[in-house]
Amino acid sequence: MKKYFTTVLEFYTYLFFLFNLTKNSFALQSKILKTGVMAVLFAGMYFTLNMLLLISVLGTDVLSRSAFPALKAASFIDIAGIIQRLDSFVIILVVFLGFIKVAMF
């Protein structure tokens, strides 16, 4: 002990620092784990609801043959004969979200 620490106070200060560091590390790890599990659950629920919506709108046959099923589903939108052909908005949304994804990584 004398080899590494010159005083007893320095030794106890080191132990106190080490204890607080590991205590905060375990709390941070549990918070990260909880956040990660919640993110996976929410993403899974989103993808499940999205696929259920696409199956109910397009059907399984069209859904399995379509490369972009959300774009195909957007082509069916017709609100009072005025709001039609929202395909361009879907493509703009896909491109914008692609830029966000690239910017995040």
C-alpha atoms as a PDB file:
ATOM      1  CA  MET A   1       0.000   0.000   0.000  1.00  0.00           C
ATOM      2  CA  LYS A   2       2.858   2.395   0.719  1.00  0.00           C
ATOM      3  CA  LYS A   3       4.240   1.697  -2.703  1.00  0.00           C
ATOM      4  CA  TYR A   4       1.259   3.248  -4.532  1.00  0.00           C
ATOM      5  CA  PHE A   5      -0.258   5.677  -2.030  1.00  0.00           C
ATOM      6  CA  THR A   6       1.733   8.143   0.032  1.00  0.00           C
ATOM      7  CA  THR A   7      -0.946   8.803   2.645  1.00  0.00           C
ATOM      8  CA  VAL A   8      -3.943   6.986   4.059  1.00  0.00           C
ATOM      9  CA  LEU A   9      -6.151   9.897   3.022  1.00  0.00           C
ATOM     10  CA  GLU A  10      -5.038   9.452  -0.576  1.00  0.00           C
ATOM     11  CA  PHE A  11      -5.872   5.747  -0.385  1.00  0.00           C
ATOM     12  CA  TYR A  12      -9.404   6.389   0.941  1.00  0.00           C
ATOM     13  CA  THR A  13      -9.934   9.162  -1.598  1.00  0.00           C
ATOM     14  CA  TYR A  14      -9.026   6.724  -4.346  1.00  0.00           C
ATOM     15  CA  LEU A  15     -11.431   4.095  -2.951  1.00  0.00           C
ATOM     16  CA  PHE A  16     -14.221   6.661  -2.684  1.00  0.00           C
ATOM     17  CA  PHE A  17     -13.642   7.789  -6.270  1.00  0.00           C
ATOM     18  CA  LEU A  18     -13.554   4.198  -7.533  1.00  0.00           C
ATOM     19  CA  PHE A  19     -16.750   3.323  -5.660  1.00  0.00           C
ATOM     20  CA  ASN A  20     -18.627   6.333  -7.058  1.00  0.00           C
ATOM     21  CA  LEU A  21     -17.354   5.643 -10.560  1.00  0.00           C
ATOM     22  CA  THR A  22     -18.582   2.042 -10.546  1.00  0.00           C
ATOM     23  CA  LYS A  23     -21.882   2.975  -8.878  1.00  0.00           C
ATOM     24  CA  ASN A  24     -22.620   5.561 -11.573  1.00  0.00           C
ATOM     25  CA  SER A  25     -21.492   3.149 -14.270  1.00  0.00           C
ATOM     26  CA  PHE A  26     -23.967   0.472 -13.157  1.00  0.00           C
ATOM     27  CA  ALA A  27     -26.804   3.007 -12.985  1.00  0.00           C
ATOM     28  CA  LEU A  28     -25.900   4.280 -16.456  1.00  0.00           C
ATOM     29  CA  GLN A  29     -25.736   0.751 -17.875  1.00  0.00           C
ATOM     30  CA  SER A  30     -29.177  -0.094 -16.518  1.00  0.00           C
ATOM     31  CA  LYS A  31     -30.594   3.136 -17.938  1.00  0.00           C
ATOM     32  CA  ILE A  32     -29.038   2.402 -21.329  1.00  0.00           C
ATOM     33  CA  LEU A  33     -30.391  -1.143 -21.265  1.00  0.00           C
ATOM     34  CA  LYS A  34     -33.891   0.063 -20.367  1.00  0.00           C
ATOM     35  CA  THR A  35     -33.823   2.682 -23.129  1.00  0.00           C
ATOM     36  CA  GLY A  36     -32.580   0.137 -25.656  1.00  0.00           C
ATOM     37  CA  VAL A  37     -35.285  -2.379 -24.777  1.00  0.00           C
ATOM     38  CA  MET A  38     -37.971   0.311 -25.043  1.00  0.00           C
ATOM     39  CA  ALA A  39     -36.615   1.417 -28.435  1.00  0.00           C
ATOM     40  CA  VAL A  40     -36.684  -2.155 -29.757  1.00  0.00           C
ATOM     41  CA  LEU A  41     -40.247  -2.671 -28.482  1.00  0.00           C
ATOM     42  CA  PHE A  42     -41.525   0.574 -30.007  1.00  0.00           C
ATOM     43  CA  ALA A  43     -39.804  -0.109 -33.324  1.00  0.00           C
ATOM     44  CA  GLY A  44     -41.254  -3.620 -33.392  1.00  0.00           C
ATOM     45  CA  MET A  45     -44.753  -2.310 -32.677  1.00  0.00           C
ATOM     46  CA  TYR A  46     -44.380   0.350 -35.384  1.00  0.00           C
ATOM     47  CA  PHE A  47     -43.241  -2.147 -38.016  1.00  0.00           C
ATOM     48  CA  THR A  48     -45.986  -4.593 -37.052  1.00  0.00           C
ATOM     49  CA  LEU A  49     -48.713  -1.943 -37.295  1.00  0.00           C
ATOM     50  CA  ASN A  50     -47.234  -0.663 -40.553  1.00  0.00           C
ATOM     51  CA  MET A  51     -47.295  -4.137 -42.097  1.00  0.00           C
ATOM     52  CA  LEU A  52     -50.857  -4.746 -40.864  1.00  0.00           C
ATOM     53  CA  LEU A  53     -51.951  -1.457 -42.436  1.00  0.00           C
ATOM     54  CA  LEU A  54     -50.233  -2.262 -45.735  1.00  0.00           C
ATOM     55  CA  ILE A  55     -51.714  -5.770 -45.812  1.00  0.00           C
ATOM     56  CA  SER A  56     -55.182  -4.400 -45.158  1.00  0.00           C
ATOM     57  CA  VAL A  57     -54.855  -1.744 -47.899  1.00  0.00           C
ATOM     58  CA  LEU A  58     -52.979  -3.647 -50.603  1.00  0.00           C
ATOM     59  CA  GLY A  59     -53.536  -7.306 -49.857  1.00  0.00           C
ATOM     60  CA  THR A  60     -50.844  -9.943 -49.597  1.00  0.00           C
ATOM     61  CA  ASP A  61     -50.441 -10.511 -53.339  1.00  0.00           C
ATOM     62  CA  VAL A  62     -49.737  -6.874 -54.252  1.00  0.00           C
ATOM     63  CA  LEU A  63     -47.668  -6.381 -51.099  1.00  0.00           C
ATOM     64  CA  SER A  64     -45.383  -9.287 -51.927  1.00  0.00           C
ATOM     65  CA  ARG A  65     -44.795  -8.033 -55.501  1.00  0.00           C
ATOM     66  CA  SER A  66     -44.311  -4.348 -54.686  1.00  0.00           C
ATOM     67  CA  ALA A  67     -40.837  -2.916 -54.152  1.00  0.00           C
ATOM     68  CA  PHE A  68     -42.251   0.179 -52.400  1.00  0.00           C
ATOM     69  CA  PRO A  69     -45.559  -0.784 -50.819  1.00  0.00           C
ATOM     70  CA  ALA A  70     -46.069   2.571 -49.044  1.00  0.00           C
ATOM     71  CA  LEU A  71     -45.831   4.332 -52.402  1.00  0.00           C
ATOM     72  CA  LYS A  72     -48.374   1.938 -53.878  1.00  0.00           C
ATOM     73  CA  ALA A  73     -50.708   2.498 -50.905  1.00  0.00           C
ATOM     74  CA  ALA A  74     -50.371   6.280 -51.262  1.00  0.00           C
ATOM     75  CA  SER A  75     -51.576   6.046 -54.842  1.00  0.00           C
ATOM     76  CA  PHE A  76     -54.967   4.838 -53.540  1.00  0.00           C
ATOM     77  CA  ILE A  77     -55.566   8.031 -51.519  1.00  0.00           C
ATOM     78  CA  ASP A  78     -58.519  10.042 -52.809  1.00  0.00           C
ATOM     79  CA  ILE A  79     -60.182  12.526 -50.468  1.00  0.00           C
ATOM     80  CA  ALA A  80     -63.387  14.037 -51.892  1.00  0.00           C
ATOM     81  CA  GLY A  81     -61.951  13.994 -55.393  1.00  0.00           C
ATOM     82  CA  ILE A  82     -59.731  16.966 -54.524  1.00  0.00           C
ATOM     83  CA  ILE A  83     -56.700  15.502 -52.754  1.00  0.00           C
ATOM     84  CA  GLN A  84     -55.235  12.864 -55.044  1.00  0.00           C
ATOM     85  CA  ARG A  85     -51.884  11.551 -56.231  1.00  0.00           C
ATOM     86  CA  LEU A  86     -49.828  11.989 -53.060  1.00  0.00           C
ATOM     87  CA  ASP A  87     -47.017   9.900 -54.537  1.00  0.00           C
ATOM     88  CA  SER A  88     -44.713  12.917 -54.787  1.00  0.00           C
ATOM     89  CA  PHE A  89     -45.108  13.672 -51.067  1.00  0.00           C
ATOM     90  CA  VAL A  90     -44.236  10.078 -50.192  1.00  0.00           C
ATOM     91  CA  ILE A  91     -41.092  10.232 -52.340  1.00  0.00           C
ATOM     92  CA  ILE A  92     -40.094  13.575 -50.779  1.00  0.00           C
ATOM     93  CA  LEU A  93     -40.623  12.048 -47.332  1.00  0.00           C
ATOM     94  CA  VAL A  94     -38.471   9.012 -48.180  1.00  0.00           C
ATOM     95  CA  VAL A  95     -35.645  11.209 -49.509  1.00  0.00           C
ATOM     96  CA  PHE A  96     -35.832  13.560 -46.502  1.00  0.00           C
ATOM     97  CA  LEU A  97     -35.779  10.687 -44.020  1.00  0.00           C
ATOM     98  CA  GLY A  98     -32.863   9.168 -45.940  1.00  0.00           C
ATOM     99  CA  PHE A  99     -30.887  12.391 -45.468  1.00  0.00           C
ATOM    100  CA  ILE A 100     -31.693  12.371 -41.756  1.00  0.00           C
ATOM    101  CA  LYS A 101     -30.561   8.760 -41.473  1.00  0.00           C
ATOM    102  CA  VAL A 102     -27.269   9.496 -43.233  1.00  0.00           C
ATOM    103  CA  ALA A 103     -26.718  12.586 -41.091  1.00  0.00           C
ATOM    104  CA  MET A 104     -27.216  10.609 -37.893  1.00  0.00           C
ATOM    105  CA  PHE A 105     -24.674   7.964 -38.807  1.00  0.00           C
END
